[in-house]
Amino acid sequence: MKKIADFLKINLESSLKDMILHKSSLEYMKKNYAKFNHPDFDKHGFINQGSNGRWQNLLSEKQIKDYEDILEQKLGYACALWVKNGGKFLAMSTI
């Protein structure tokens, strides 16, 4: 939070910092679900489980192919493969 305040060139009082930390907590957002409601939350849940590859169940095969093509164009083959495998490095013989 300090980095953001410094970037914005604002000085946060202690009470304001406490309020920001409280209202940006997952606990607060879960308790105040209605304030953060979005149509997609009802389909997929308010908090994602955060597992790798889960997004692939939400996209069509064409969308996934387009994503992978763009990823490889922007990052190169090895980096795109790293992203595709959840940040795991593969042996060079498999590349």
Foldseek 3Di string as FASTA:
>chain_A
DVVVCVVVVHDDDPVRVVVVVVCPDPVNCVVVVVVVDDVVCVVQNPDHPPDPPPCVVVDDPVVVVVVLVVLCVVPNDQVSVCVNVVNDHDPPVVD
